PDB file of N, CA and C in Angstrom:
ATOM      1  N   UNK A   1     -13.048  11.623 -22.996  1.00  0.00           N
ATOM      2  CA  UNK A   1     -11.795  11.267 -22.364  1.00  0.00           C
ATOM      3  C   UNK A   1     -12.024  10.083 -21.433  1.00  0.00           C
ATOM      4  N   UNK A   2     -11.119   9.133 -21.480  1.00  0.00           N
ATOM      5  CA  UNK A   2     -11.228   7.957 -20.630  1.00  0.00           C
ATOM      6  C   UNK A   2     -10.856   8.294 -19.191  1.00  0.00           C
ATOM      7  N   UNK A   3     -11.587   7.706 -18.267  1.00  0.00           N
ATOM      8  CA  UNK A   3     -11.242   7.854 -16.851  1.00  0.00           C
ATOM      9  C   UNK A   3     -10.026   6.990 -16.568  1.00  0.00           C
ATOM     10  N   UNK A   4      -9.010   7.573 -15.991  1.00  0.00           N
ATOM     11  CA  UNK A   4      -7.767   6.847 -15.736  1.00  0.00           C
ATOM     12  C   UNK A   4      -7.671   6.464 -14.265  1.00  0.00           C
ATOM     13  N   UNK A   5      -8.712   5.846 -13.757  1.00  0.00           N
ATOM     14  CA  UNK A   5      -8.732   5.423 -12.360  1.00  0.00           C
ATOM     15  C   UNK A   5      -9.263   4.007 -12.309  1.00  0.00           C
ATOM     16  N   UNK A   6      -8.613   3.178 -11.547  1.00  0.00           N
ATOM     17  CA  UNK A   6      -9.041   1.794 -11.391  1.00  0.00           C
ATOM     18  C   UNK A   6      -9.816   1.662 -10.088  1.00  0.00           C
ATOM     19  N   UNK A   7     -11.007   1.069 -10.164  1.00  0.00           N
ATOM     20  CA  UNK A   7     -11.727   0.808  -8.919  1.00  0.00           C
ATOM     21  C   UNK A   7     -10.982  -0.274  -8.133  1.00  0.00           C
ATOM     22  N   UNK A   8     -10.946  -0.112  -6.837  1.00  0.00           N
ATOM     23  CA  UNK A   8     -10.192  -1.024  -5.990  1.00  0.00           C
ATOM     24  C   UNK A   8     -11.101  -2.119  -5.450  1.00  0.00           C
ATOM     25  N   UNK A   9     -10.573  -3.319  -5.413  1.00  0.00           N
ATOM     26  CA  UNK A   9     -11.300  -4.450  -4.842  1.00  0.00           C
ATOM     27  C   UNK A   9     -10.367  -5.176  -3.884  1.00  0.00           C
ATOM     28  N   UNK A  10     -10.462  -4.829  -2.614  1.00  0.00           N
ATOM     29  CA  UNK A  10      -9.674  -5.512  -1.601  1.00  0.00           C
ATOM     30  C   UNK A  10     -10.501  -6.647  -1.016  1.00  0.00           C
ATOM     31  N   UNK A  11      -9.857  -7.749  -0.728  1.00  0.00           N
ATOM     32  CA  UNK A  11     -10.523  -8.903  -0.138  1.00  0.00           C
ATOM     33  C   UNK A  11     -10.402  -8.797   1.377  1.00  0.00           C
ATOM     34  N   UNK A  12     -11.429  -8.230   2.002  1.00  0.00           N
ATOM     35  CA  UNK A  12     -11.417  -8.036   3.449  1.00  0.00           C
ATOM     36  C   UNK A  12     -11.344  -9.363   4.179  1.00  0.00           C
ATOM     37  N   UNK A  13     -11.944 -10.408   3.617  1.00  0.00           N
ATOM     38  CA  UNK A  13     -11.884 -11.731   4.248  1.00  0.00           C
ATOM     39  C   UNK A  13     -10.450 -12.250   4.315  1.00  0.00           C
ATOM     40  N   UNK A  14      -9.687 -12.010   3.263  1.00  0.00           N
ATOM     41  CA  UNK A  14      -8.284 -12.437   3.222  1.00  0.00           C
ATOM     42  C   UNK A  14      -7.484 -11.703   4.299  1.00  0.00           C
ATOM     43  N   UNK A  15      -7.712 -10.409   4.426  1.00  0.00           N
ATOM     44  CA  UNK A  15      -7.026  -9.637   5.464  1.00  0.00           C
ATOM     45  C   UNK A  15      -7.445 -10.107   6.860  1.00  0.00           C
ATOM     46  N   UNK A  16      -8.713 -10.333   7.041  1.00  0.00           N
ATOM     47  CA  UNK A  16      -9.216 -10.791   8.338  1.00  0.00           C
ATOM     48  C   UNK A  16      -8.603 -12.151   8.701  1.00  0.00           C
ATOM     49  N   UNK A  17      -8.511 -13.025   7.716  1.00  0.00           N
ATOM     50  CA  UNK A  17      -7.908 -14.340   7.923  1.00  0.00           C
ATOM     51  C   UNK A  17      -6.438 -14.190   8.334  1.00  0.00           C
ATOM     52  N   UNK A  18      -5.736 -13.280   7.682  1.00  0.00           N
ATOM     53  CA  UNK A  18      -4.336 -13.021   8.008  1.00  0.00           C
ATOM     54  C   UNK A  18      -4.208 -12.543   9.453  1.00  0.00           C
ATOM     55  N   UNK A  19      -5.098 -11.662   9.878  1.00  0.00           N
ATOM     56  CA  UNK A  19      -5.068 -11.147  11.245  1.00  0.00           C
ATOM     57  C   UNK A  19      -5.423 -12.228  12.251  1.00  0.00           C
ATOM     58  N   UNK A  20      -6.372 -13.089  11.897  1.00  0.00           N
ATOM     59  CA  UNK A  20      -6.735 -14.187  12.789  1.00  0.00           C
ATOM     60  C   UNK A  20      -5.578 -15.166  12.967  1.00  0.00           C
ATOM     61  N   UNK A  21      -4.859 -15.442  11.884  1.00  0.00           N
ATOM     62  CA  UNK A  21      -3.764 -16.407  11.922  1.00  0.00           C
ATOM     63  C   UNK A  21      -2.541 -15.859  12.654  1.00  0.00           C
ATOM     64  N   UNK A  22      -2.220 -14.585  12.419  1.00  0.00           N
ATOM     65  CA  UNK A  22      -0.959 -14.031  12.918  1.00  0.00           C
ATOM     66  C   UNK A  22      -1.091 -13.144  14.149  1.00  0.00           C
ATOM     67  N   UNK A  23      -2.284 -12.692  14.422  1.00  0.00           N
ATOM     68  CA  UNK A  23      -2.461 -11.705  15.483  1.00  0.00           C
ATOM     69  C   UNK A  23      -2.296 -10.310  14.914  1.00  0.00           C
ATOM     70  N   UNK A  24      -2.795  -9.338  15.640  1.00  0.00           N
ATOM     71  CA  UNK A  24      -2.837  -7.968  15.119  1.00  0.00           C
ATOM     72  C   UNK A  24      -1.463  -7.404  14.777  1.00  0.00           C
ATOM     73  N   UNK A  25      -0.527  -7.487  15.694  1.00  0.00           N
ATOM     74  CA  UNK A  25       0.783  -6.856  15.482  1.00  0.00           C
ATOM     75  C   UNK A  25       1.542  -7.521  14.340  1.00  0.00           C
ATOM     76  N   UNK A  26       1.612  -8.839  14.346  1.00  0.00           N
ATOM     77  CA  UNK A  26       2.344  -9.553  13.293  1.00  0.00           C
ATOM     78  C   UNK A  26       1.693  -9.343  11.934  1.00  0.00           C
ATOM     79  N   UNK A  27       0.363  -9.377  11.889  1.00  0.00           N
ATOM     80  CA  UNK A  27      -0.333  -9.183  10.618  1.00  0.00           C
ATOM     81  C   UNK A  27      -0.124  -7.769  10.098  1.00  0.00           C
ATOM     82  N   UNK A  28      -0.148  -6.800  10.999  1.00  0.00           N
ATOM     83  CA  UNK A  28       0.088  -5.419  10.583  1.00  0.00           C
ATOM     84  C   UNK A  28       1.494  -5.271   9.999  1.00  0.00           C
ATOM     85  N   UNK A  29       2.468  -5.923  10.623  1.00  0.00           N
ATOM     86  CA  UNK A  29       3.835  -5.904  10.106  1.00  0.00           C
ATOM     87  C   UNK A  29       3.911  -6.529   8.712  1.00  0.00           C
ATOM     88  N   UNK A  30       3.233  -7.666   8.535  1.00  0.00           N
ATOM     89  CA  UNK A  30       3.227  -8.345   7.233  1.00  0.00           C
ATOM     90  C   UNK A  30       2.612  -7.444   6.166  1.00  0.00           C
ATOM     91  N   UNK A  31       1.489  -6.835   6.491  1.00  0.00           N
ATOM     92  CA  UNK A  31       0.797  -5.979   5.521  1.00  0.00           C
ATOM     93  C   UNK A  31       1.654  -4.758   5.180  1.00  0.00           C
ATOM     94  N   UNK A  32       2.277  -4.165   6.179  1.00  0.00           N
ATOM     95  CA  UNK A  32       3.119  -2.987   5.920  1.00  0.00           C
ATOM     96  C   UNK A  32       4.320  -3.347   5.049  1.00  0.00           C
ATOM     97  N   UNK A  33       4.959  -4.467   5.340  1.00  0.00           N
ATOM     98  CA  UNK A  33       6.103  -4.898   4.517  1.00  0.00           C
ATOM     99  C   UNK A  33       5.645  -5.221   3.094  1.00  0.00           C
ATOM    100  N   UNK A  34       4.490  -5.861   2.991  1.00  0.00           N
ATOM    101  CA  UNK A  34       3.958  -6.195   1.663  1.00  0.00           C
ATOM    102  C   UNK A  34       3.656  -4.931   0.866  1.00  0.00           C
ATOM    103  N   UNK A  35       3.103  -3.925   1.526  1.00  0.00           N
ATOM    104  CA  UNK A  35       2.809  -2.666   0.842  1.00  0.00           C
ATOM    105  C   UNK A  35       4.094  -2.010   0.349  1.00  0.00           C
ATOM    106  N   UNK A  36       5.126  -2.030   1.186  1.00  0.00           N
ATOM    107  CA  UNK A  36       6.408  -1.452   0.781  1.00  0.00           C
ATOM    108  C   UNK A  36       6.976  -2.200  -0.427  1.00  0.00           C
ATOM    109  N   UNK A  37       6.917  -3.530  -0.380  1.00  0.00           N
ATOM    110  CA  UNK A  37       7.427  -4.342  -1.489  1.00  0.00           C
ATOM    111  C   UNK A  37       6.644  -4.085  -2.764  1.00  0.00           C
ATOM    112  N   UNK A  38       5.328  -3.973  -2.639  1.00  0.00           N
ATOM    113  CA  UNK A  38       4.511  -3.699  -3.826  1.00  0.00           C
ATOM    114  C   UNK A  38       4.872  -2.352  -4.433  1.00  0.00           C
ATOM    115  N   UNK A  39       5.049  -1.349  -3.615  1.00  0.00           N
ATOM    116  CA  UNK A  39       5.417  -0.023  -4.130  1.00  0.00           C
ATOM    117  C   UNK A  39       6.760  -0.079  -4.851  1.00  0.00           C
ATOM    118  N   UNK A  40       7.716  -0.781  -4.256  1.00  0.00           N
ATOM    119  CA  UNK A  40       9.035  -0.918  -4.872  1.00  0.00           C
ATOM    120  C   UNK A  40       8.927  -1.669  -6.194  1.00  0.00           C
ATOM    121  N   UNK A  41       8.167  -2.748  -6.210  1.00  0.00           N
ATOM    122  CA  UNK A  41       8.063  -3.572  -7.422  1.00  0.00           C
ATOM    123  C   UNK A  41       7.269  -2.881  -8.528  1.00  0.00           C
ATOM    124  N   UNK A  42       6.281  -2.087  -8.155  1.00  0.00           N
ATOM    125  CA  UNK A  42       5.568  -1.310  -9.174  1.00  0.00           C
ATOM    126  C   UNK A  42       6.532  -0.353  -9.868  1.00  0.00           C
ATOM    127  N   UNK A  43       7.344   0.334  -9.088  1.00  0.00           N
ATOM    128  CA  UNK A  43       8.325   1.266  -9.664  1.00  0.00           C
ATOM    129  C   UNK A  43       9.359   0.505 -10.491  1.00  0.00           C
ATOM    130  N   UNK A  44       9.787  -0.646  -9.990  1.00  0.00           N
ATOM    131  CA  UNK A  44      10.766  -1.452 -10.715  1.00  0.00           C
ATOM    132  C   UNK A  44      10.183  -1.959 -12.035  1.00  0.00           C
ATOM    133  N   UNK A  45       8.939  -2.410 -12.002  1.00  0.00           N
ATOM    134  CA  UNK A  45       8.287  -2.892 -13.226  1.00  0.00           C
ATOM    135  C   UNK A  45       8.208  -1.776 -14.269  1.00  0.00           C
ATOM    136  N   UNK A  46       7.920  -0.582 -13.822  1.00  0.00           N
ATOM    137  CA  UNK A  46       7.852   0.561 -14.731  1.00  0.00           C
ATOM    138  C   UNK A  46       9.219   0.834 -15.355  1.00  0.00           C
ATOM    139  N   UNK A  47      10.272   0.829 -14.532  1.00  0.00           N
ATOM    140  CA  UNK A  47      11.632   1.056 -15.053  1.00  0.00           C
ATOM    141  C   UNK A  47      12.024  -0.039 -16.051  1.00  0.00           C
ATOM    142  N   UNK A  48      11.738  -1.281 -15.717  1.00  0.00           N
ATOM    143  CA  UNK A  48      12.096  -2.389 -16.602  1.00  0.00           C
ATOM    144  C   UNK A  48      11.316  -2.315 -17.910  1.00  0.00           C
ATOM    145  N   UNK A  49      10.046  -1.942 -17.830  1.00  0.00           N
ATOM    146  CA  UNK A  49       9.235  -1.808 -19.040  1.00  0.00           C
ATOM    147  C   UNK A  49       9.833  -0.732 -19.950  1.00  0.00           C
ATOM    148  N   UNK A  50      10.145   0.411 -19.381  1.00  0.00           N
ATOM    149  CA  UNK A  50      10.699   1.514 -20.179  1.00  0.00           C
ATOM    150  C   UNK A  50      12.062   1.166 -20.767  1.00  0.00           C
ATOM    151  N   UNK A  51      12.805   0.299 -20.077  1.00  0.00           N
ATOM    152  CA  UNK A  51      14.122  -0.123 -20.570  1.00  0.00           C
ATOM    153  C   UNK A  51      14.019  -1.294 -21.552  1.00  0.00           C
ATOM    154  N   UNK A  52      12.808  -1.810 -21.745  1.00  0.00           N
ATOM    155  CA  UNK A  52      12.616  -2.925 -22.673  1.00  0.00           C
ATOM    156  C   UNK A  52      13.112  -4.258 -22.137  1.00  0.00           C
ATOM    157  N   UNK A  53      13.265  -4.368 -20.837  1.00  0.00           N
ATOM    158  CA  UNK A  53      13.758  -5.601 -20.212  1.00  0.00           C
ATOM    159  C   UNK A  53      12.570  -6.439 -19.743  1.00  0.00           C
ATOM    160  N   UNK A  54      11.847  -6.997 -20.714  1.00  0.00           N
ATOM    161  CA  UNK A  54      10.596  -7.676 -20.384  1.00  0.00           C
ATOM    162  C   UNK A  54      10.810  -8.988 -19.635  1.00  0.00           C
ATOM    163  N   UNK A  55      11.918  -9.682 -19.844  1.00  0.00           N
ATOM    164  CA  UNK A  55      12.164 -10.925 -19.107  1.00  0.00           C
ATOM    165  C   UNK A  55      12.332 -10.625 -17.616  1.00  0.00           C
ATOM    166  N   UNK A  56      13.082  -9.578 -17.301  1.00  0.00           N
ATOM    167  CA  UNK A  56      13.239  -9.172 -15.912  1.00  0.00           C
ATOM    168  C   UNK A  56      11.927  -8.621 -15.357  1.00  0.00           C
ATOM    169  N   UNK A  57      11.211  -7.901 -16.194  1.00  0.00           N
ATOM    170  CA  UNK A  57       9.924  -7.360 -15.788  1.00  0.00           C
ATOM    171  C   UNK A  57       8.958  -8.484 -15.426  1.00  0.00           C
ATOM    172  N   UNK A  58       8.994  -9.560 -16.208  1.00  0.00           N
ATOM    173  CA  UNK A  58       8.104 -10.706 -15.961  1.00  0.00           C
ATOM    174  C   UNK A  58       8.332 -11.259 -14.565  1.00  0.00           C
ATOM    175  N   UNK A  59       9.590 -11.424 -14.158  1.00  0.00           N
ATOM    176  CA  UNK A  59       9.915 -11.934 -12.824  1.00  0.00           C
ATOM    177  C   UNK A  59       9.410 -10.982 -11.739  1.00  0.00           C
ATOM    178  N   UNK A  60       9.614  -9.712 -11.957  1.00  0.00           N
ATOM    179  CA  UNK A  60       9.187  -8.697 -11.004  1.00  0.00           C
ATOM    180  C   UNK A  60       7.663  -8.720 -10.834  1.00  0.00           C
ATOM    181  N   UNK A  61       6.961  -8.756 -11.949  1.00  0.00           N
ATOM    182  CA  UNK A  61       5.499  -8.730 -11.922  1.00  0.00           C
ATOM    183  C   UNK A  61       4.940 -10.019 -11.317  1.00  0.00           C
ATOM    184  N   UNK A  62       5.599 -11.143 -11.595  1.00  0.00           N
ATOM    185  CA  UNK A  62       5.149 -12.426 -11.035  1.00  0.00           C
ATOM    186  C   UNK A  62       5.218 -12.385  -9.506  1.00  0.00           C
ATOM    187  N   UNK A  63       6.320 -11.894  -8.963  1.00  0.00           N
ATOM    188  CA  UNK A  63       6.443 -11.820  -7.505  1.00  0.00           C
ATOM    189  C   UNK A  63       5.483 -10.779  -6.926  1.00  0.00           C
ATOM    190  N   UNK A  64       5.251  -9.717  -7.667  1.00  0.00           N
ATOM    191  CA  UNK A  64       4.301  -8.705  -7.228  1.00  0.00           C
ATOM    192  C   UNK A  64       2.895  -9.299  -7.116  1.00  0.00           C
ATOM    193  N   UNK A  65       2.520 -10.126  -8.071  1.00  0.00           N
ATOM    194  CA  UNK A  65       1.213 -10.774  -8.027  1.00  0.00           C
ATOM    195  C   UNK A  65       1.060 -11.675  -6.816  1.00  0.00           C
ATOM    196  N   UNK A  66       2.122 -12.388  -6.467  1.00  0.00           N
ATOM    197  CA  UNK A  66       2.080 -13.270  -5.296  1.00  0.00           C
ATOM    198  C   UNK A  66       1.911 -12.456  -4.009  1.00  0.00           C
ATOM    199  N   UNK A  67       2.607 -11.350  -3.914  1.00  0.00           N
ATOM    200  CA  UNK A  67       2.486 -10.489  -2.731  1.00  0.00           C
ATOM    201  C   UNK A  67       1.077  -9.913  -2.650  1.00  0.00           C
ATOM    202  N   UNK A  68       0.563  -9.471  -3.779  1.00  0.00           N
ATOM    203  CA  UNK A  68      -0.789  -8.896  -3.811  1.00  0.00           C
ATOM    204  C   UNK A  68      -1.824  -9.915  -3.345  1.00  0.00           C
ATOM    205  N   UNK A  69      -1.678 -11.151  -3.772  1.00  0.00           N
ATOM    206  CA  UNK A  69      -2.602 -12.207  -3.365  1.00  0.00           C
ATOM    207  C   UNK A  69      -2.563 -12.396  -1.854  1.00  0.00           C
ATOM    208  N   UNK A  70      -1.371 -12.361  -1.292  1.00  0.00           N
ATOM    209  CA  UNK A  70      -1.187 -12.588   0.140  1.00  0.00           C
ATOM    210  C   UNK A  70      -1.969 -11.597   0.989  1.00  0.00           C
ATOM    211  N   UNK A  71      -2.095 -10.360   0.532  1.00  0.00           N
ATOM    212  CA  UNK A  71      -2.755  -9.348   1.364  1.00  0.00           C
ATOM    213  C   UNK A  71      -4.125  -8.925   0.813  1.00  0.00           C
ATOM    214  N   UNK A  72      -4.717  -9.771  -0.001  1.00  0.00           N
ATOM    215  CA  UNK A  72      -6.096  -9.535  -0.412  1.00  0.00           C
ATOM    216  C   UNK A  72      -6.296  -8.586  -1.577  1.00  0.00           C
ATOM    217  N   UNK A  73      -5.266  -8.399  -2.393  1.00  0.00           N
ATOM    218  CA  UNK A  73      -5.391  -7.549  -3.582  1.00  0.00           C
ATOM    219  C   UNK A  73      -5.538  -8.440  -4.810  1.00  0.00           C
ATOM    220  N   UNK A  74      -6.648  -9.165  -4.858  1.00  0.00           N
ATOM    221  CA  UNK A  74      -6.883 -10.126  -5.931  1.00  0.00           C
ATOM    222  C   UNK A  74      -6.920  -9.490  -7.306  1.00  0.00           C
ATOM    223  N   UNK A  75      -7.510  -8.311  -7.407  1.00  0.00           N
ATOM    224  CA  UNK A  75      -7.594  -7.651  -8.705  1.00  0.00           C
ATOM    225  C   UNK A  75      -6.198  -7.316  -9.228  1.00  0.00           C
ATOM    226  N   UNK A  76      -5.342  -6.796  -8.366  1.00  0.00           N
ATOM    227  CA  UNK A  76      -3.974  -6.471  -8.770  1.00  0.00           C
ATOM    228  C   UNK A  76      -3.233  -7.746  -9.175  1.00  0.00           C
ATOM    229  N   UNK A  77      -3.459  -8.811  -8.457  1.00  0.00           N
ATOM    230  CA  UNK A  77      -2.830 -10.089  -8.793  1.00  0.00           C
ATOM    231  C   UNK A  77      -3.288 -10.581 -10.169  1.00  0.00           C
ATOM    232  N   UNK A  78      -4.574 -10.454 -10.450  1.00  0.00           N
ATOM    233  CA  UNK A  78      -5.102 -10.877 -11.764  1.00  0.00           C
ATOM    234  C   UNK A  78      -4.515 -10.020 -12.891  1.00  0.00           C
ATOM    235  N   UNK A  79      -4.394  -8.733 -12.660  1.00  0.00           N
ATOM    236  CA  UNK A  79      -3.826  -7.853 -13.683  1.00  0.00           C
ATOM    237  C   UNK A  79      -2.355  -8.187 -13.889  1.00  0.00           C
ATOM    238  N   UNK A  80      -1.639  -8.502 -12.809  1.00  0.00           N
ATOM    239  CA  UNK A  80      -0.233  -8.908 -12.932  1.00  0.00           C
ATOM    240  C   UNK A  80      -0.135 -10.162 -13.805  1.00  0.00           C
ATOM    241  N   UNK A  81      -1.058 -11.101 -13.622  1.00  0.00           N
ATOM    242  CA  UNK A  81      -1.080 -12.300 -14.473  1.00  0.00           C
ATOM    243  C   UNK A  81      -1.367 -11.940 -15.927  1.00  0.00           C
ATOM    244  N   UNK A  82      -2.201 -10.937 -16.142  1.00  0.00           N
ATOM    245  CA  UNK A  82      -2.473 -10.476 -17.508  1.00  0.00           C
ATOM    246  C   UNK A  82      -1.216  -9.873 -18.143  1.00  0.00           C
ATOM    247  N   UNK A  83      -0.437  -9.138 -17.348  1.00  0.00           N
ATOM    248  CA  UNK A  83       0.827  -8.585 -17.848  1.00  0.00           C
ATOM    249  C   UNK A  83       1.747  -9.724 -18.276  1.00  0.00           C
ATOM    250  N   UNK A  84       1.838 -10.745 -17.445  1.00  0.00           N
ATOM    251  CA  UNK A  84       2.672 -11.906 -17.767  1.00  0.00           C
ATOM    252  C   UNK A  84       2.192 -12.575 -19.049  1.00  0.00           C
ATOM    253  N   UNK A  85       0.886 -12.691 -19.213  1.00  0.00           N
ATOM    254  CA  UNK A  85       0.335 -13.296 -20.434  1.00  0.00           C
ATOM    255  C   UNK A  85       0.700 -12.476 -21.665  1.00  0.00           C
ATOM    256  N   UNK A  86       0.663 -11.159 -21.545  1.00  0.00           N
ATOM    257  CA  UNK A  86       1.047 -10.289 -22.662  1.00  0.00           C
ATOM    258  C   UNK A  86       2.521 -10.455 -23.010  1.00  0.00           C
ATOM    259  N   UNK A  87       3.361 -10.574 -21.986  1.00  0.00           N
ATOM    260  CA  UNK A  87       4.791 -10.777 -22.212  1.00  0.00           C
ATOM    261  C   UNK A  87       5.009 -12.121 -22.905  1.00  0.00           C
ATOM    262  N   UNK A  88       4.360 -13.155 -22.395  1.00  0.00           N
ATOM    263  CA  UNK A  88       4.517 -14.495 -22.967  1.00  0.00           C
ATOM    264  C   UNK A  88       4.028 -14.567 -24.406  1.00  0.00           C
ATOM    265  N   UNK A  89       2.996 -13.770 -24.728  1.00  0.00           N
ATOM    266  CA  UNK A  89       2.453 -13.754 -26.087  1.00  0.00           C
ATOM    267  C   UNK A  89       3.218 -12.808 -27.011  1.00  0.00           C
ATOM    268  N   UNK A  90       4.214 -12.109 -26.471  1.00  0.00           N
ATOM    269  CA  UNK A  90       4.989 -11.121 -27.244  1.00  0.00           C
ATOM    270  C   UNK A  90       4.073 -10.083 -27.882  1.00  0.00           C
ATOM    271  N   UNK A  91       3.055  -9.666 -27.143  1.00  0.00           N
ATOM    272  CA  UNK A  91       2.081  -8.688 -27.630  1.00  0.00           C
ATOM    273  C   UNK A  91       2.388  -7.332 -26.998  1.00  0.00           C
ATOM    274  N   UNK A  92       3.214  -6.565 -27.683  1.00  0.00           N
ATOM    275  CA  UNK A  92       3.654  -5.280 -27.170  1.00  0.00           C
ATOM    276  C   UNK A  92       2.544  -4.275 -26.971  1.00  0.00           C
ATOM    277  N   UNK A  93       1.565  -4.265 -27.871  1.00  0.00           N
ATOM    278  CA  UNK A  93       0.460  -3.313 -27.729  1.00  0.00           C
ATOM    279  C   UNK A  93      -0.383  -3.624 -26.497  1.00  0.00           C
ATOM    280  N   UNK A  94      -0.725  -4.895 -26.336  1.00  0.00           N
ATOM    281  CA  UNK A  94      -1.508  -5.291 -25.157  1.00  0.00           C
ATOM    282  C   UNK A  94      -0.698  -5.058 -23.892  1.00  0.00           C
ATOM    283  N   UNK A  95       0.597  -5.356 -23.938  1.00  0.00           N
ATOM    284  CA  UNK A  95       1.448  -5.150 -22.774  1.00  0.00           C
ATOM    285  C   UNK A  95       1.441  -3.684 -22.354  1.00  0.00           C
ATOM    286  N   UNK A  96       1.529  -2.782 -23.302  1.00  0.00           N
ATOM    287  CA  UNK A  96       1.521  -1.349 -22.982  1.00  0.00           C
ATOM    288  C   UNK A  96       0.250  -0.973 -22.225  1.00  0.00           C
ATOM    289  N   UNK A  97      -0.885  -1.456 -22.711  1.00  0.00           N
ATOM    290  CA  UNK A  97      -2.163  -1.116 -22.083  1.00  0.00           C
ATOM    291  C   UNK A  97      -2.319  -1.776 -20.716  1.00  0.00           C
ATOM    292  N   UNK A  98      -2.026  -3.060 -20.642  1.00  0.00           N
ATOM    293  CA  UNK A  98      -2.230  -3.787 -19.392  1.00  0.00           C
ATOM    294  C   UNK A  98      -1.219  -3.347 -18.332  1.00  0.00           C
ATOM    295  N   UNK A  99      -0.021  -3.025 -18.767  1.00  0.00           N
ATOM    296  CA  UNK A  99       0.985  -2.523 -17.835  1.00  0.00           C
ATOM    297  C   UNK A  99       0.506  -1.220 -17.194  1.00  0.00           C
ATOM    298  N   UNK A 100      -0.026  -0.318 -17.996  1.00  0.00           N
ATOM    299  CA  UNK A 100      -0.544   0.938 -17.445  1.00  0.00           C
ATOM    300  C   UNK A 100      -1.715   0.676 -16.495  1.00  0.00           C
ATOM    301  N   UNK A 101      -2.552  -0.288 -16.840  1.00  0.00           N
ATOM    302  CA  UNK A 101      -3.668  -0.650 -15.962  1.00  0.00           C
ATOM    303  C   UNK A 101      -3.131  -1.184 -14.633  1.00  0.00           C
ATOM    304  N   UNK A 102      -2.080  -1.993 -14.696  1.00  0.00           N
ATOM    305  CA  UNK A 102      -1.483  -2.540 -13.476  1.00  0.00           C
ATOM    306  C   UNK A 102      -0.948  -1.416 -12.581  1.00  0.00           C
ATOM    307  N   UNK A 103      -0.308  -0.424 -13.181  1.00  0.00           N
ATOM    308  CA  UNK A 103       0.209   0.695 -12.395  1.00  0.00           C
ATOM    309  C   UNK A 103      -0.926   1.457 -11.710  1.00  0.00           C
ATOM    310  N   UNK A 104      -2.010   1.705 -12.457  1.00  0.00           N
ATOM    311  CA  UNK A 104      -3.159   2.403 -11.861  1.00  0.00           C
ATOM    312  C   UNK A 104      -3.792   1.576 -10.746  1.00  0.00           C
ATOM    313  N   UNK A 105      -3.987   0.288 -11.003  1.00  0.00           N
ATOM    314  CA  UNK A 105      -4.608  -0.581 -10.001  1.00  0.00           C
ATOM    315  C   UNK A 105      -3.710  -0.712  -8.777  1.00  0.00           C
ATOM    316  N   UNK A 106      -2.414  -0.804  -8.996  1.00  0.00           N
ATOM    317  CA  UNK A 106      -1.486  -0.905  -7.878  1.00  0.00           C
ATOM    318  C   UNK A 106      -1.516   0.337  -7.011  1.00  0.00           C
ATOM    319  N   UNK A 107      -1.484   1.482  -7.649  1.00  0.00           N
ATOM    320  CA  UNK A 107      -1.536   2.735  -6.906  1.00  0.00           C
ATOM    321  C   UNK A 107      -2.846   2.864  -6.133  1.00  0.00           C
ATOM    322  N   UNK A 108      -3.951   2.549  -6.787  1.00  0.00           N
ATOM    323  CA  UNK A 108      -5.256   2.628  -6.119  1.00  0.00           C
ATOM    324  C   UNK A 108      -5.348   1.640  -4.964  1.00  0.00           C
ATOM    325  N   UNK A 109      -4.840   0.433  -5.160  1.00  0.00           N
ATOM    326  CA  UNK A 109      -4.891  -0.588  -4.110  1.00  0.00           C
ATOM    327  C   UNK A 109      -4.043  -0.189  -2.911  1.00  0.00           C
ATOM    328  N   UNK A 110      -2.847   0.324  -3.175  1.00  0.00           N
ATOM    329  CA  UNK A 110      -1.990   0.761  -2.081  1.00  0.00           C
ATOM    330  C   UNK A 110      -2.620   1.919  -1.308  1.00  0.00           C
ATOM    331  N   UNK A 111      -3.240   2.843  -2.032  1.00  0.00           N
ATOM    332  CA  UNK A 111      -3.911   3.968  -1.381  1.00  0.00           C
ATOM    333  C   UNK A 111      -5.051   3.470  -0.507  1.00  0.00           C
ATOM    334  N   UNK A 112      -5.828   2.539  -1.040  1.00  0.00           N
ATOM    335  CA  UNK A 112      -6.976   2.012  -0.295  1.00  0.00           C
ATOM    336  C   UNK A 112      -6.538   1.285   0.972  1.00  0.00           C
ATOM    337  N   UNK A 113      -5.546   0.443   0.861  1.00  0.00           N
ATOM    338  CA  UNK A 113      -5.112  -0.309   2.046  1.00  0.00           C
ATOM    339  C   UNK A 113      -4.411   0.615   3.036  1.00  0.00           C
ATOM    340  N   UNK A 114      -3.760   1.646   2.541  1.00  0.00           N
ATOM    341  CA  UNK A 114      -3.128   2.624   3.426  1.00  0.00           C
ATOM    342  C   UNK A 114      -4.196   3.337   4.246  1.00  0.00           C
ATOM    343  N   UNK A 115      -5.334   3.623   3.620  1.00  0.00           N
ATOM    344  CA  UNK A 115      -6.426   4.292   4.326  1.00  0.00           C
ATOM    345  C   UNK A 115      -7.056   3.387   5.375  1.00  0.00           C
ATOM    346  N   UNK A 116      -6.836   2.082   5.248  1.00  0.00           N
ATOM    347  CA  UNK A 116      -7.285   1.135   6.255  1.00  0.00           C
ATOM    348  C   UNK A 116      -6.172   0.892   7.272  1.00  0.00           C
ATOM    349  N   UNK A 117      -5.265   1.839   7.412  1.00  0.00           N
ATOM    350  CA  UNK A 117      -4.049   1.655   8.192  1.00  0.00           C
ATOM    351  C   UNK A 117      -4.326   1.146   9.598  1.00  0.00           C
ATOM    352  N   UNK A 118      -5.454   1.519  10.162  1.00  0.00           N
ATOM    353  CA  UNK A 118      -5.752   0.980  11.482  1.00  0.00           C
ATOM    354  C   UNK A 118      -6.057  -0.510  11.353  1.00  0.00           C
ATOM    355  N   UNK A 119      -6.264  -0.963  10.112  1.00  0.00           N
ATOM    356  CA  UNK A 119      -6.451  -2.374   9.773  1.00  0.00           C
ATOM    357  C   UNK A 119      -7.578  -3.034  10.548  1.00  0.00           C
ATOM    358  N   UNK A 120      -8.617  -2.277  10.771  1.00  0.00           N
ATOM    359  CA  UNK A 120      -9.773  -2.825  11.479  1.00  0.00           C
ATOM    360  C   UNK A 120     -10.766  -3.357  10.462  1.00  0.00           C
ATOM    361  N   UNK A 121     -10.414  -4.492   9.850  1.00  0.00           N
ATOM    362  CA  UNK A 121     -11.274  -5.114   8.843  1.00  0.00           C
ATOM    363  C   UNK A 121     -12.285  -6.030   9.457  1.00  0.00           C
TER     364      UNK A 121
END
């Protein structure tokens, strides 16, 4: 049986840079809002995928990748780009697999950053 868990790779340097630029309170606010947006967009991407609305899904996933990059979730951003590539290639089989990987990676990334809630990177 395949393990259905994605290892998380957070970019602590990116988070530290964000905190240095914005200060602790502002950076914490940015990270919390970004986490909320990512959770919403992951759920939205899933709904759009199940409804077969891949053009709308592409927009959702593209913005999700940008948010992930902003808060140091490079792996999630790369997987989001892979989802977009699958959509652009009209490869439904690859899209199914990569989309599921994105959901797992997103959930794992959100859990990991939530556990760093004190944000002492």
